[in-house]
Amino acid sequence: MNPGNVDVAAYLRRLQYSGTTEPTLGSLRSLHRRHLEAVPFENLDISLSRRIEIEDEASVRKIVDRHRGGFCYELNGAFAALLRALGFHVTLLSARVARKSGGEGPEFDHLALRVDLDEPWLADVGFGDCFAEPLRLQPDLEQQQDVGTFRVRHVAQSLALERRQPDDSWWPEYSFTLAPRQIDEFRDRCHFHQTSPESSFTQKRICSRLTPEGRITLSELNLIVTNHGHREERILGSEEEWRAALRQYFKIVV
């Protein structure tokens, strides 16, 4: 998408963002957090058998005009288009997501962003429960945020994003390289995630967003609300309650 084709005013209204838009670190931090709070990480179109297109224009239209969210290819693709329209220098990065069973996914399993200011930053509004503000791309620097502590570390020929656990161990979120990528390179993996029974995205519906107090997640009929570290879960009784929760907490109607 040509940066000039992004309706910046409409996108900022969608984010309910009225702060500065100069291509500075302060703006990037504010826009990043606001995107996570306003635009949910969700895969609802997959359960509805609606094909997900990852062209920037389609992703922006889905988020801005249809008041929806998306998964990484859509969310970070659209965010990159917005940042470029505001004058930021953005590079798409391919990441390989860590698996709980060990190992990691293939190349293009996840789309993340590099934003270059006076120094390079890792941005990601499409990974669900992760860092809330961009991280310095400085290896071994522990970076504490209200949502957790993170670091980027050299591992073999890649960089690894890690998150500190309650026992002070570090859990890998994903690995990535700084090789510049184009959105078309993610197309096959996007197709896999929306069609394969082996993909977690075809196995259950998810909708989740950051809040100023914590996070709200709807995982199938399980509603999870985290408020200042206190987590409450409630099983909804029906599809009608599920749709009502989507409207109430995410302003989504499907």
Protein backbone atom coordinates (compact mmCIF):
# COMPACT_ATOMS: atom_id res chain seq x y z
CA MET A 1 0.00 0.00 0.00
CA ASN A 2 1.25 3.43 -0.89
CA PRO A 3 1.56 5.41 2.38
CA GLY A 4 -0.37 8.21 0.73
CA ASN A 5 -3.38 5.90 0.35
CA VAL A 6 -3.81 5.42 4.11
CA ASP A 7 -6.59 7.54 5.59
CA VAL A 8 -4.52 8.52 8.60
CA ALA A 9 -7.29 10.54 10.25
CA ALA A 10 -9.73 7.60 10.03
CA TYR A 11 -7.12 5.15 11.37
CA LEU A 12 -6.33 7.44 14.32
CA ARG A 13 -10.05 7.78 15.07
CA ARG A 14 -10.27 3.99 15.11
CA LEU A 15 -7.48 3.99 17.69
CA GLN A 16 -9.12 6.86 19.59
CA TYR A 17 -5.70 8.48 19.43
CA SER A 18 -5.29 12.23 19.64
CA GLY A 19 -1.62 12.54 20.56
CA THR A 20 1.36 13.64 18.52
CA THR A 21 2.06 11.83 15.26
CA GLU A 22 5.57 13.08 14.57
CA PRO A 23 7.92 10.16 13.74
CA THR A 24 9.50 10.10 17.19
CA LEU A 25 9.98 7.46 19.86
CA GLY A 26 7.30 9.03 22.02
CA SER A 27 4.75 8.82 19.22
CA LEU A 28 5.74 5.25 18.40
CA ARG A 29 5.31 4.16 22.00
CA SER A 30 1.91 5.83 22.33
CA LEU A 31 0.61 4.53 19.00
CA HIS A 32 1.87 1.01 19.74
CA ARG A 33 0.11 0.78 23.10
CA ARG A 34 -3.05 2.42 21.79
CA HIS A 35 -3.20 -0.04 18.89
CA LEU A 36 -3.03 -2.95 21.30
CA GLU A 37 -5.80 -1.47 23.44
CA ALA A 38 -8.14 -0.55 20.58
CA VAL A 39 -7.61 -3.29 17.98
CA PRO A 40 -7.98 -6.89 19.20
CA PHE A 41 -5.91 -9.88 18.25
CA GLU A 42 -8.58 -12.18 16.80
CA ASN A 43 -9.15 -15.01 14.31
CA LEU A 44 -12.94 -14.91 14.00
CA ASP A 45 -13.01 -14.86 10.20
CA ILE A 46 -11.35 -18.29 10.13
CA SER A 47 -14.23 -19.94 12.00
CA LEU A 48 -16.63 -18.20 9.60
CA SER A 49 -14.74 -19.58 6.57
CA ARG A 50 -13.94 -16.06 5.38
CA ARG A 51 -10.70 -15.87 3.46
CA ILE A 52 -8.15 -13.55 5.04
CA GLU A 53 -6.23 -11.39 2.59
CA ILE A 54 -2.99 -9.86 3.83
CA GLU A 55 -2.66 -7.00 1.39
CA ASP A 56 -2.16 -3.82 3.41
CA GLU A 57 -5.24 -2.18 1.93
CA ALA A 58 -7.48 -5.11 2.93
CA SER A 59 -6.03 -5.20 6.45
CA VAL A 60 -6.44 -1.45 6.97
CA ARG A 61 -10.00 -1.57 5.65
CA LYS A 62 -10.88 -4.46 7.99
CA ILE A 63 -9.51 -2.66 11.02
CA VAL A 64 -10.67 0.87 10.25
CA ASP A 65 -13.89 0.47 8.27
CA ARG A 66 -15.20 -2.79 9.70
CA HIS A 67 -14.02 -2.13 13.28
CA ARG A 68 -12.37 -5.53 13.48
CA GLY A 69 -9.02 -6.90 14.55
CA GLY A 70 -6.99 -9.70 13.04
CA PHE A 71 -3.88 -11.81 13.50
CA CYS A 72 -0.24 -10.90 12.99
CA TYR A 73 -0.15 -10.56 9.22
CA GLU A 74 -3.13 -8.21 9.27
CA LEU A 75 -2.37 -6.25 12.43
CA ASN A 76 1.32 -5.62 11.85
CA GLY A 77 0.79 -5.14 8.12
CA ALA A 78 -1.78 -2.43 8.78
CA PHE A 79 0.27 -0.86 11.58
CA ALA A 80 3.29 -0.71 9.27
CA ALA A 81 1.17 1.08 6.66
CA LEU A 82 0.02 3.62 9.25
CA LEU A 83 3.55 4.23 10.54
CA ARG A 84 4.92 4.72 7.04
CA ALA A 85 2.14 7.20 6.27
CA LEU A 86 3.27 9.14 9.36
CA GLY A 87 6.89 9.20 8.18
CA PHE A 88 8.40 6.28 10.11
CA HIS A 89 10.93 3.94 8.49
CA VAL A 90 9.50 0.43 8.91
CA THR A 91 10.83 -2.99 7.87
CA LEU A 92 8.82 -6.23 7.90
CA LEU A 93 10.54 -9.09 9.73
CA SER A 94 9.92 -12.83 9.61
CA ALA A 95 9.73 -14.61 12.97
CA ARG A 96 9.52 -18.25 14.05
CA VAL A 97 7.20 -18.81 17.01
CA ALA A 98 8.43 -20.94 19.92
CA ARG A 99 6.40 -24.10 20.55
CA LYS A 100 5.48 -25.25 24.03
CA SER A 101 6.54 -28.77 23.04
CA GLY A 102 9.96 -27.48 22.02
CA GLY A 103 11.42 -26.16 18.82
CA GLU A 104 9.82 -23.43 16.77
CA GLY A 105 7.67 -22.87 13.73
CA PRO A 106 8.98 -22.31 10.20
CA GLU A 107 10.05 -19.08 8.59
CA PHE A 108 7.20 -16.56 8.09
CA ASP A 109 5.25 -18.11 10.98
CA HIS A 110 4.90 -14.62 12.43
CA LEU A 111 5.23 -11.07 11.11
CA ALA A 112 6.98 -8.50 13.31
CA LEU A 113 8.29 -4.99 12.60
CA ARG A 114 11.56 -3.11 12.85
CA VAL A 115 11.21 0.65 13.22
CA ASP A 116 14.36 2.74 12.75
CA LEU A 117 14.67 6.00 14.67
CA ASP A 118 17.98 7.09 16.20
CA GLU A 119 18.33 3.40 16.98
CA PRO A 120 16.35 0.32 15.83
CA TRP A 121 13.23 -0.84 17.70
CA LEU A 122 11.16 -4.02 17.63
CA ALA A 123 7.43 -3.31 17.29
CA ASP A 124 4.66 -5.91 17.35
CA VAL A 125 0.92 -5.29 17.72
CA GLY A 126 0.03 -8.76 16.43
CA PHE A 127 1.26 -11.33 18.97
CA GLY A 128 -1.49 -11.14 21.57
CA ASP A 129 -0.25 -11.06 25.16
CA CYS A 130 3.28 -9.72 24.76
CA PHE A 131 5.16 -6.42 25.16
CA ALA A 132 3.01 -3.28 25.21
CA GLU A 133 5.58 -0.79 23.91
CA PRO A 134 8.42 -1.21 21.40
CA LEU A 135 11.63 -2.85 22.55
CA ARG A 136 15.15 -1.66 21.83
CA LEU A 137 16.88 -4.02 19.43
CA GLN A 138 19.82 -4.20 21.79
CA PRO A 139 20.86 -7.74 22.73
CA ASP A 140 20.84 -8.79 26.39
CA LEU A 141 19.22 -5.56 27.63
CA GLU A 142 16.45 -6.38 30.12
CA GLN A 143 13.49 -4.10 29.36
CA GLN A 144 10.83 -3.85 32.03
CA GLN A 145 7.26 -2.80 31.24
CA ASP A 146 4.03 -2.89 33.19
CA VAL A 147 3.10 -6.12 31.35
CA GLY A 148 6.40 -7.91 32.02
CA THR A 149 10.15 -7.92 31.45
CA PHE A 150 11.61 -8.77 28.05
CA ARG A 151 14.97 -9.09 26.36
CA VAL A 152 16.35 -9.72 22.89
CA ARG A 153 19.20 -12.21 22.76
CA HIS A 154 21.52 -13.56 20.09
CA VAL A 155 20.84 -17.27 19.48
CA ALA A 156 22.91 -18.92 16.72
CA GLN A 157 22.27 -16.86 13.57
CA SER A 158 19.05 -15.30 14.88
CA LEU A 159 17.74 -12.99 17.54
CA ALA A 160 15.33 -14.34 20.15
CA LEU A 161 12.63 -12.42 21.98
CA GLU A 162 12.35 -13.75 25.53
CA ARG A 163 10.06 -12.99 28.47
CA ARG A 164 10.95 -13.33 32.14
CA GLN A 165 8.85 -15.90 34.00
CA PRO A 166 7.73 -15.73 37.67
CA ASP A 167 10.58 -18.11 38.64
CA ASP A 168 13.09 -15.73 36.95
CA SER A 169 13.68 -18.10 34.05
CA TRP A 170 13.32 -16.82 30.49
CA TRP A 171 10.76 -18.16 28.02
CA PRO A 172 11.34 -17.72 24.28
CA GLU A 173 8.44 -16.06 22.45
CA TYR A 174 9.91 -16.15 18.95
CA SER A 175 13.16 -15.91 17.01
CA PHE A 176 13.77 -13.61 14.07
CA THR A 177 16.38 -12.12 11.81
CA LEU A 178 16.72 -8.56 10.57
CA ALA A 179 16.45 -9.53 6.88
CA PRO A 180 13.92 -7.20 5.21
CA ARG A 181 10.79 -8.98 4.01
CA GLN A 182 7.84 -8.22 1.73
CA ILE A 183 4.23 -8.98 2.65
CA ASP A 184 3.87 -11.45 -0.24
CA GLU A 185 6.48 -13.70 1.40
CA PHE A 186 4.04 -14.38 4.26
CA ARG A 187 1.17 -15.44 2.01
CA ASP A 188 1.71 -19.23 2.10
CA ARG A 189 2.05 -19.32 5.86
CA CYS A 190 -1.03 -17.13 6.25
CA HIS A 191 -2.94 -19.63 4.10
CA PHE A 192 -1.71 -22.48 6.31
CA HIS A 193 -2.83 -20.77 9.50
CA GLN A 194 -6.35 -20.18 8.23
CA THR A 195 -6.90 -23.59 6.60
CA SER A 196 -4.78 -26.31 8.24
CA PRO A 197 -6.20 -28.41 11.10
CA GLU A 198 -2.66 -28.33 12.50
CA SER A 199 -2.84 -24.57 13.03
CA SER A 200 -3.98 -23.34 16.45
CA PHE A 201 -6.02 -20.67 14.66
CA THR A 202 -8.36 -23.27 13.13
CA GLN A 203 -8.86 -25.08 16.44
CA LYS A 204 -10.54 -22.36 18.52
CA ARG A 205 -11.83 -18.81 18.32
CA ILE A 206 -9.84 -16.15 20.10
CA CYS A 207 -10.32 -12.44 20.66
CA SER A 208 -8.03 -10.53 23.00
CA ARG A 209 -6.91 -6.99 23.66
CA LEU A 210 -4.78 -5.04 26.10
CA THR A 211 -6.55 -2.74 28.57
CA PRO A 212 -5.14 0.01 30.82
CA GLU A 213 -5.78 -2.36 33.75
CA GLY A 214 -4.63 -5.62 32.17
CA ARG A 215 -6.22 -7.71 29.41
CA ILE A 216 -9.56 -9.09 28.24
CA THR A 217 -9.63 -12.39 26.35
CA LEU A 218 -12.47 -14.43 24.91
CA SER A 219 -11.22 -17.94 24.12
CA GLU A 220 -14.20 -19.85 22.75
CA LEU A 221 -16.74 -19.54 25.60
CA ASN A 222 -14.09 -18.77 28.23
CA LEU A 223 -14.05 -15.09 29.21
CA ILE A 224 -10.82 -14.07 30.97
CA VAL A 225 -10.46 -10.64 32.54
CA THR A 226 -7.16 -9.60 34.14
CA ASN A 227 -7.32 -6.47 36.27
CA HIS A 228 -4.12 -5.20 37.95
CA GLY A 229 -2.78 -8.76 38.11
CA HIS A 230 -6.01 -10.31 39.36
CA ARG A 231 -7.36 -12.88 36.89
CA GLU A 232 -10.99 -13.93 36.69
CA GLU A 233 -12.42 -16.56 34.37
CA ARG A 234 -16.04 -17.28 33.50
CA ILE A 235 -17.51 -19.85 31.14
CA LEU A 236 -20.26 -18.33 29.04
CA GLY A 237 -23.41 -20.34 28.73
CA SER A 238 -24.26 -20.00 25.05
CA GLU A 239 -23.36 -18.60 21.66
CA GLU A 240 -25.69 -15.71 22.41
CA GLU A 241 -23.60 -14.81 25.47
CA TRP A 242 -20.45 -15.15 23.36
CA ARG A 243 -21.79 -12.68 20.80
CA ALA A 244 -22.88 -10.33 23.58
CA ALA A 245 -19.36 -10.45 25.08
CA LEU A 246 -17.87 -9.66 21.67
CA ARG A 247 -20.08 -6.58 21.46
CA GLN A 248 -19.51 -5.49 25.05
CA TYR A 249 -15.75 -5.91 25.33
CA PHE A 250 -14.56 -5.61 21.72
CA LYS A 251 -17.38 -3.77 19.92
CA ILE A 252 -17.41 -6.54 17.32
CA VAL A 253 -20.50 -7.91 15.60
CA VAL A 254 -20.03 -11.02 13.43
